[in-house]
């Protein structure tokens, strides 16, 4: 079976090549144990029946993106859970399209990184 072609490491300026991963072993981001635990907790919440029901209910009550008025397909926490926002409070949820949700998340992450 043929192997995947080499491609550049995703870290800017790194000269190493990789096959099936984004980063070479030198540049691979190190996840702390706390990050891995937090990731598992988030995954468990977003896969729960409670969230799935809440998400469907939110999209049926607000079918259009709150930002651009296109058809919404994602539910966003207005105040992120990581900053103290309530998980299933309807007042903390908004329907967004994929594009607007990605844009909002990028903006939040850039503000939190400072």
N, C-alpha and C. Protein backbone atom coordinates (compact mmCIF):
# COMPACT_ATOMS: atom_id res chain seq x y z
N UNK A 1 0.85 -1.17 0.00
CA UNK A 1 0.00 0.00 0.00
C UNK A 1 0.90 1.24 0.00
N UNK A 2 0.64 2.22 -0.86
CA UNK A 2 1.50 3.41 -0.94
C UNK A 2 1.38 4.27 0.30
N UNK A 3 2.49 4.90 0.64
CA UNK A 3 2.49 5.79 1.80
C UNK A 3 2.06 7.19 1.38
N UNK A 4 1.59 7.95 2.35
CA UNK A 4 1.17 9.33 2.09
C UNK A 4 2.40 10.15 1.70
N UNK A 5 2.21 11.13 0.86
CA UNK A 5 3.35 11.97 0.46
C UNK A 5 3.80 12.87 1.62
N UNK A 6 5.04 13.28 1.56
CA UNK A 6 5.56 14.21 2.56
C UNK A 6 4.97 15.59 2.32
N UNK A 7 4.79 16.32 3.42
CA UNK A 7 4.33 17.71 3.34
C UNK A 7 5.06 18.49 4.43
N UNK A 8 5.12 19.81 4.31
CA UNK A 8 5.85 20.59 5.31
C UNK A 8 5.15 20.56 6.66
N UNK A 9 5.95 20.65 7.72
CA UNK A 9 5.43 20.78 9.09
C UNK A 9 4.57 22.04 9.14
N UNK A 10 3.49 22.02 9.92
CA UNK A 10 2.55 23.15 9.99
C UNK A 10 3.11 24.34 10.77
N UNK A 11 4.18 24.16 11.52
CA UNK A 11 4.78 25.28 12.26
C UNK A 11 5.52 26.18 11.29
N UNK A 12 5.22 27.46 11.31
CA UNK A 12 5.83 28.42 10.39
C UNK A 12 7.34 28.41 10.52
N UNK A 13 8.02 28.28 9.41
CA UNK A 13 9.48 28.34 9.38
C UNK A 13 10.18 27.02 9.65
N UNK A 14 9.46 25.98 10.00
CA UNK A 14 10.08 24.69 10.27
C UNK A 14 10.42 24.00 8.95
N UNK A 15 11.66 23.53 8.78
CA UNK A 15 12.05 22.92 7.51
C UNK A 15 11.71 21.42 7.42
N UNK A 16 11.21 20.83 8.50
CA UNK A 16 10.97 19.39 8.53
C UNK A 16 9.75 18.99 7.69
N UNK A 17 9.77 17.76 7.21
CA UNK A 17 8.66 17.20 6.45
C UNK A 17 7.98 16.11 7.27
N UNK A 18 6.67 15.99 7.11
CA UNK A 18 5.88 14.99 7.83
C UNK A 18 4.99 14.25 6.85
N UNK A 19 4.49 13.09 7.28
CA UNK A 19 3.60 12.33 6.38
C UNK A 19 2.14 12.46 6.76
N UNK A 20 1.73 11.91 7.88
CA UNK A 20 0.30 11.85 8.20
C UNK A 20 -0.11 12.70 9.39
N UNK A 21 0.78 13.53 9.87
CA UNK A 21 0.47 14.40 11.00
C UNK A 21 0.72 15.85 10.57
N UNK A 22 0.27 16.79 11.37
CA UNK A 22 0.46 18.21 11.02
C UNK A 22 1.84 18.72 11.39
N UNK A 23 2.34 18.29 12.56
CA UNK A 23 3.59 18.81 13.09
C UNK A 23 4.65 17.71 13.19
N UNK A 24 5.91 18.11 13.04
CA UNK A 24 7.00 17.16 13.25
C UNK A 24 7.14 16.95 14.76
N UNK A 25 7.93 15.96 15.15
CA UNK A 25 8.09 15.66 16.58
C UNK A 25 8.67 16.83 17.36
N UNK A 26 9.50 17.63 16.73
CA UNK A 26 10.11 18.78 17.41
C UNK A 26 9.10 19.88 17.69
N UNK A 27 8.21 20.10 16.75
CA UNK A 27 7.26 21.23 16.86
C UNK A 27 5.90 20.84 17.43
N UNK A 28 5.66 19.56 17.62
CA UNK A 28 4.35 19.10 18.10
C UNK A 28 3.98 19.80 19.40
N UNK A 29 2.81 20.46 19.43
CA UNK A 29 2.40 21.14 20.66
C UNK A 29 2.23 20.14 21.79
N UNK A 30 2.72 20.51 22.94
CA UNK A 30 2.60 19.65 24.11
C UNK A 30 1.31 20.02 24.84
N UNK A 31 0.43 19.04 24.98
CA UNK A 31 -0.80 19.28 25.73
C UNK A 31 -0.58 18.88 27.17
N UNK A 32 -0.93 19.78 28.06
CA UNK A 32 -0.80 19.46 29.47
C UNK A 32 -1.88 18.47 29.86
N UNK A 33 -1.69 17.83 30.99
CA UNK A 33 -2.69 16.89 31.48
C UNK A 33 -4.02 17.60 31.71
N UNK A 34 -3.95 18.83 32.22
CA UNK A 34 -5.18 19.59 32.47
C UNK A 34 -5.92 19.86 31.16
N UNK A 35 -5.20 20.14 30.08
CA UNK A 35 -5.83 20.38 28.78
C UNK A 35 -6.52 19.13 28.27
N UNK A 36 -5.87 17.98 28.46
CA UNK A 36 -6.48 16.73 28.01
C UNK A 36 -7.74 16.42 28.80
N UNK A 37 -7.71 16.66 30.10
CA UNK A 37 -8.88 16.42 30.94
C UNK A 37 -10.00 17.37 30.53
N UNK A 38 -9.67 18.66 30.33
CA UNK A 38 -10.65 19.65 29.91
C UNK A 38 -11.27 19.27 28.57
N UNK A 39 -10.46 18.77 27.66
CA UNK A 39 -10.94 18.34 26.35
C UNK A 39 -11.93 17.19 26.48
N UNK A 40 -11.65 16.25 27.37
CA UNK A 40 -12.56 15.12 27.59
C UNK A 40 -13.89 15.58 28.18
N UNK A 41 -13.83 16.53 29.11
CA UNK A 41 -15.05 17.05 29.73
C UNK A 41 -15.91 17.75 28.69
N UNK A 42 -15.27 18.58 27.83
CA UNK A 42 -16.01 19.27 26.76
C UNK A 42 -16.65 18.27 25.82
N UNK A 43 -15.90 17.26 25.43
CA UNK A 43 -16.42 16.25 24.50
C UNK A 43 -17.62 15.53 25.12
N UNK A 44 -17.51 15.20 26.40
CA UNK A 44 -18.62 14.51 27.08
C UNK A 44 -19.86 15.41 27.10
N UNK A 45 -19.68 16.71 27.37
CA UNK A 45 -20.83 17.62 27.41
C UNK A 45 -21.48 17.74 26.03
N UNK A 46 -20.68 17.99 24.99
CA UNK A 46 -21.25 18.20 23.66
C UNK A 46 -21.83 16.93 23.04
N UNK A 47 -21.51 15.78 23.59
CA UNK A 47 -22.11 14.52 23.13
C UNK A 47 -23.28 14.08 24.01
N UNK A 48 -23.60 14.86 25.04
CA UNK A 48 -24.68 14.48 25.96
C UNK A 48 -26.05 14.69 25.33
N UNK A 49 -27.03 13.92 25.82
CA UNK A 49 -28.41 14.07 25.35
C UNK A 49 -28.95 15.45 25.68
N UNK A 50 -28.56 15.98 26.83
CA UNK A 50 -29.03 17.30 27.25
C UNK A 50 -28.62 18.36 26.24
N UNK A 51 -27.33 18.36 25.84
CA UNK A 51 -26.87 19.35 24.88
C UNK A 51 -27.52 19.14 23.52
N UNK A 52 -27.63 17.89 23.08
CA UNK A 52 -28.22 17.62 21.77
C UNK A 52 -29.67 18.12 21.72
N UNK A 53 -30.42 17.90 22.79
CA UNK A 53 -31.81 18.37 22.86
C UNK A 53 -31.84 19.90 22.88
N UNK A 54 -30.99 20.51 23.70
CA UNK A 54 -30.93 21.97 23.81
C UNK A 54 -30.58 22.60 22.47
N UNK A 55 -29.62 21.99 21.76
CA UNK A 55 -29.17 22.48 20.46
C UNK A 55 -30.33 22.45 19.44
N UNK A 56 -31.03 21.34 19.37
CA UNK A 56 -32.16 21.21 18.44
C UNK A 56 -33.24 22.23 18.78
N UNK A 57 -33.52 22.39 20.06
CA UNK A 57 -34.54 23.34 20.49
C UNK A 57 -34.14 24.77 20.11
N UNK A 58 -32.87 25.14 20.34
CA UNK A 58 -32.38 26.47 20.01
C UNK A 58 -32.50 26.74 18.51
N UNK A 59 -32.09 25.77 17.69
CA UNK A 59 -32.16 25.95 16.24
C UNK A 59 -33.59 26.03 15.72
N UNK A 60 -34.51 25.36 16.40
CA UNK A 60 -35.91 25.44 15.96
C UNK A 60 -36.54 26.77 16.38
N UNK A 61 -36.12 27.32 17.52
CA UNK A 61 -36.64 28.61 17.97
C UNK A 61 -36.01 29.78 17.19
N UNK A 62 -34.76 29.62 16.81
CA UNK A 62 -34.03 30.67 16.09
C UNK A 62 -33.31 30.04 14.89
N UNK A 63 -34.02 29.82 13.79
CA UNK A 63 -33.44 29.08 12.66
C UNK A 63 -32.45 29.89 11.81
N UNK A 64 -32.43 31.21 11.99
CA UNK A 64 -31.52 32.04 11.19
C UNK A 64 -30.35 32.52 12.04
N UNK A 65 -29.21 32.66 11.38
CA UNK A 65 -28.00 33.15 12.04
C UNK A 65 -28.25 34.54 12.61
N UNK A 66 -27.88 34.72 13.85
CA UNK A 66 -28.11 36.01 14.50
C UNK A 66 -27.25 37.12 13.89
N UNK A 67 -26.13 36.76 13.27
CA UNK A 67 -25.25 37.76 12.69
C UNK A 67 -25.60 38.13 11.25
N UNK A 68 -25.74 37.12 10.39
CA UNK A 68 -25.91 37.41 8.96
C UNK A 68 -27.29 37.04 8.41
N UNK A 69 -28.14 36.44 9.22
CA UNK A 69 -29.49 36.06 8.86
C UNK A 69 -29.58 34.93 7.84
N UNK A 70 -28.48 34.21 7.61
CA UNK A 70 -28.54 32.99 6.79
C UNK A 70 -29.08 31.86 7.67
N UNK A 71 -29.29 30.71 7.05
CA UNK A 71 -29.75 29.55 7.80
C UNK A 71 -28.68 29.14 8.82
N UNK A 72 -29.07 29.04 10.06
CA UNK A 72 -28.13 28.67 11.13
C UNK A 72 -28.02 27.16 11.22
N UNK A 73 -26.83 26.68 11.52
CA UNK A 73 -26.63 25.25 11.72
C UNK A 73 -25.76 24.95 12.93
N UNK A 74 -25.42 25.99 13.70
CA UNK A 74 -24.62 25.80 14.91
C UNK A 74 -25.19 26.64 16.03
N UNK A 75 -24.94 26.19 17.26
CA UNK A 75 -25.39 26.93 18.44
C UNK A 75 -24.15 27.37 19.21
N UNK A 76 -24.11 28.65 19.52
CA UNK A 76 -22.96 29.26 20.17
C UNK A 76 -23.32 29.72 21.58
N UNK A 77 -22.34 29.60 22.48
CA UNK A 77 -22.49 30.17 23.82
C UNK A 77 -22.04 31.62 23.72
N UNK A 78 -22.91 32.56 24.01
CA UNK A 78 -22.59 33.98 23.92
C UNK A 78 -21.41 34.29 24.85
N UNK A 79 -21.53 33.90 26.10
CA UNK A 79 -20.40 33.96 27.03
C UNK A 79 -19.86 32.54 27.10
N UNK A 80 -18.62 32.32 26.64
CA UNK A 80 -18.07 30.96 26.61
C UNK A 80 -18.12 30.28 27.99
N UNK A 81 -18.33 28.99 27.97
CA UNK A 81 -18.38 28.22 29.22
C UNK A 81 -17.08 28.42 30.00
N UNK A 82 -15.96 28.47 29.29
CA UNK A 82 -14.66 28.63 29.94
C UNK A 82 -14.52 29.97 30.66
N UNK A 83 -15.37 30.94 30.31
CA UNK A 83 -15.34 32.24 30.98
C UNK A 83 -16.52 32.42 31.92
N UNK A 84 -17.18 31.32 32.27
CA UNK A 84 -18.26 31.36 33.25
C UNK A 84 -19.66 31.37 32.67
N UNK A 85 -19.78 31.25 31.36
CA UNK A 85 -21.11 31.20 30.75
C UNK A 85 -21.83 29.92 31.10
N UNK A 86 -23.14 30.00 31.20
CA UNK A 86 -23.95 28.83 31.54
C UNK A 86 -24.08 27.90 30.33
N UNK A 87 -23.99 26.60 30.58
CA UNK A 87 -23.98 25.60 29.51
C UNK A 87 -25.29 25.55 28.72
N UNK A 88 -26.42 25.48 29.41
CA UNK A 88 -27.69 25.28 28.69
C UNK A 88 -28.72 26.37 28.96
N UNK A 89 -28.27 27.51 29.46
CA UNK A 89 -29.17 28.64 29.68
C UNK A 89 -29.55 29.23 28.32
N UNK A 90 -30.85 29.26 27.99
CA UNK A 90 -31.27 29.81 26.69
C UNK A 90 -30.83 31.26 26.47
N UNK A 91 -30.66 32.01 27.55
CA UNK A 91 -30.20 33.40 27.42
C UNK A 91 -28.73 33.50 27.06
N UNK A 92 -27.99 32.40 27.16
CA UNK A 92 -26.58 32.38 26.82
C UNK A 92 -26.33 31.68 25.48
N UNK A 93 -27.39 31.37 24.74
CA UNK A 93 -27.24 30.65 23.48
C UNK A 93 -27.71 31.51 22.32
N UNK A 94 -27.04 31.33 21.19
CA UNK A 94 -27.47 31.99 19.96
C UNK A 94 -27.21 31.06 18.79
N UNK A 95 -28.08 31.13 17.80
CA UNK A 95 -27.92 30.35 16.59
C UNK A 95 -27.03 31.12 15.62
N UNK A 96 -26.05 30.42 15.06
CA UNK A 96 -25.13 31.03 14.09
C UNK A 96 -24.90 30.06 12.94
N UNK A 97 -24.53 30.62 11.78
CA UNK A 97 -24.08 29.76 10.69
C UNK A 97 -22.62 29.38 10.97
N UNK A 98 -22.12 28.40 10.27
CA UNK A 98 -20.74 27.92 10.48
C UNK A 98 -19.73 29.07 10.32
N UNK A 99 -19.92 29.88 9.29
CA UNK A 99 -18.98 30.96 9.00
C UNK A 99 -18.92 31.98 10.14
N UNK A 100 -20.08 32.43 10.62
CA UNK A 100 -20.11 33.41 11.70
C UNK A 100 -19.62 32.82 13.02
N UNK A 101 -19.92 31.55 13.27
CA UNK A 101 -19.47 30.91 14.49
C UNK A 101 -17.95 30.79 14.49
N UNK A 102 -17.37 30.41 13.36
CA UNK A 102 -15.91 30.30 13.26
C UNK A 102 -15.25 31.66 13.46
N UNK A 103 -15.83 32.69 12.87
CA UNK A 103 -15.30 34.04 13.00
C UNK A 103 -15.33 34.49 14.45
N UNK A 104 -16.45 34.26 15.13
CA UNK A 104 -16.58 34.66 16.54
C UNK A 104 -15.58 33.90 17.41
N UNK A 105 -15.42 32.62 17.16
CA UNK A 105 -14.49 31.81 17.94
C UNK A 105 -13.05 32.29 17.74
N UNK A 106 -12.67 32.60 16.51
CA UNK A 106 -11.32 33.12 16.25
C UNK A 106 -11.09 34.43 16.99
N UNK A 107 -12.08 35.31 16.98
CA UNK A 107 -11.95 36.58 17.68
C UNK A 107 -11.79 36.36 19.19
N UNK A 108 -12.60 35.45 19.75
CA UNK A 108 -12.51 35.16 21.19
C UNK A 108 -11.14 34.58 21.53
N UNK A 109 -10.67 33.65 20.70
CA UNK A 109 -9.37 33.02 20.99
C UNK A 109 -8.23 34.02 20.88
N UNK A 110 -8.30 34.96 19.95
CA UNK A 110 -7.23 35.95 19.83
C UNK A 110 -7.25 36.91 21.02
N UNK A 111 -8.43 37.23 21.54
CA UNK A 111 -8.52 38.09 22.72
C UNK A 111 -8.02 37.38 23.97
N UNK A 112 -8.33 36.07 24.09
CA UNK A 112 -7.90 35.30 25.26
C UNK A 112 -6.41 35.03 25.26
N UNK A 113 -5.78 35.04 24.08
CA UNK A 113 -4.35 34.74 23.97
C UNK A 113 -3.50 35.92 24.44
N UNK A 114 -4.08 37.08 24.51
CA UNK A 114 -3.31 38.28 24.90
C UNK A 114 -3.04 38.34 26.36
